[in-house]
Every structure is written in C-alpha cells, then in structure tokens.
Amino acid sequence: MKLEIRKITIGLDYKNSMHYIVGQEVLGGSNTIHAIIDNGNDYYVWIENKNKELSVWKSPNKNLPILVEFNINY
C-alpha cells in the first residue's frame, strides 16, 4: 500500500521547524507544493508553477529529524 504524504516537518523543535504542506503556496505565491514523495532513501518536495510545470524544489538532509504526516482518507 502506498501512503500519501500530506505534510513533512524538518527540524529539532517542532514549533520552530520548517513545515511543508501539500497545497501550500511557496516562493511568494508563484508556486504551490504539488507532492511530497518518499522514494525509500530520500524525501522530495515537488512544486507546481502557474503553467502547471512540476519541479523538484527541496530534498531535506536525512540527518535532520523529520516528521511525516500522511493523508487519512476514510
């Protein structure tokens, strides 16, 4: 079963960590987070621009604490 990631949090202290949420506007509103993908070794944050073009935006360092939240669809 493939789990869909909704949010990824990167950092030691949850309150002060970086939070990336699917659908969140980034880069001054010119892009939105399209998907967060776990390929087994790394996480990739994909963004979509206004022309519907997709790009990998970030890949957090695996040495940092990472919290992953999944979509729960009933």
Protein backbone atom coordinates (compact mmCIF):
# COMPACT_ATOMS: atom_id res chain seq x y z
CA MET A 1 0.00 0.00 0.00
CA LYS A 2 1.34 3.43 -0.99
CA LEU A 3 0.76 6.11 1.66
CA GLU A 4 0.17 9.69 0.54
CA ILE A 5 2.23 12.28 2.43
CA ARG A 6 0.31 15.41 3.46
CA LYS A 7 2.99 17.26 5.43
CA ILE A 8 6.67 16.99 6.30
CA THR A 9 8.31 18.79 9.22
CA ILE A 10 12.08 19.18 9.37
CA GLY A 11 13.99 20.22 12.49
CA LEU A 12 14.76 19.54 16.13
CA ASP A 13 11.96 21.60 17.70
CA TYR A 14 8.52 21.09 16.11
CA LYS A 15 7.35 24.63 16.84
CA ASN A 16 10.39 26.22 15.18
CA SER A 17 10.88 23.64 12.42
CA MET A 18 10.24 24.03 8.69
CA HIS A 19 6.80 22.74 7.69
CA TYR A 20 5.91 21.83 4.11
CA ILE A 21 2.26 21.01 3.32
CA VAL A 22 0.81 19.80 0.01
CA GLY A 23 -1.18 22.70 -1.46
CA GLN A 24 0.85 25.36 0.40
CA GLU A 25 1.86 28.42 -1.62
CA VAL A 26 5.64 28.96 -1.74
CA LEU A 27 8.14 31.30 -3.39
CA GLY A 28 5.94 34.35 -2.96
CA GLY A 29 2.82 32.59 -4.19
CA SER A 30 4.27 31.81 -7.62
CA ASN A 31 4.27 28.05 -6.90
CA THR A 32 2.41 25.55 -4.74
CA ILE A 33 3.63 22.33 -3.20
CA HIS A 34 2.28 19.63 -5.51
CA ALA A 35 3.51 16.49 -3.74
CA ILE A 36 5.94 15.17 -1.15
CA ILE A 37 7.48 11.89 -2.27
CA ASP A 38 9.40 9.28 -0.25
CA ASN A 39 11.49 7.11 -2.55
CA GLY A 40 12.77 4.96 0.30
CA ASN A 41 16.07 6.80 0.67
CA ASP A 42 15.10 10.47 0.45
CA TYR A 43 12.12 12.81 0.57
CA TYR A 44 11.43 15.16 -2.35
CA VAL A 45 9.20 18.24 -2.27
CA TRP A 46 7.72 18.86 -5.73
CA ILE A 47 6.30 22.26 -6.65
CA GLU A 48 3.96 23.33 -9.45
CA ASN A 49 4.07 26.75 -11.09
CA LYS A 50 1.20 28.72 -12.64
CA ASN A 51 1.87 27.00 -16.01
CA LYS A 52 1.32 23.56 -14.37
CA GLU A 53 5.04 22.69 -14.73
CA LEU A 54 6.47 20.46 -11.99
CA SER A 55 9.94 20.77 -10.44
CA VAL A 56 11.76 19.22 -7.51
CA TRP A 57 12.20 22.06 -5.04
CA LYS A 58 13.73 20.53 -1.92
CA SER A 59 15.23 17.33 -0.63
CA PRO A 60 15.86 17.58 3.11
CA ASN A 61 19.01 16.19 4.67
CA LYS A 62 18.22 12.76 6.17
CA ASN A 63 20.50 13.58 9.12
CA LEU A 64 17.91 16.08 10.40
CA PRO A 65 14.89 14.97 12.42
CA ILE A 66 11.93 14.56 10.06
CA LEU A 67 8.28 14.10 10.99
CA VAL A 68 5.93 12.88 8.25
CA GLU A 69 2.14 13.27 8.34
CA PHE A 70 0.06 11.16 5.99
CA ASN A 71 -3.36 11.83 4.42
CA ILE A 72 -6.10 9.91 6.11
CA ASN A 73 -8.98 9.41 3.71
CA TYR A 74 -11.93 7.44 5.01
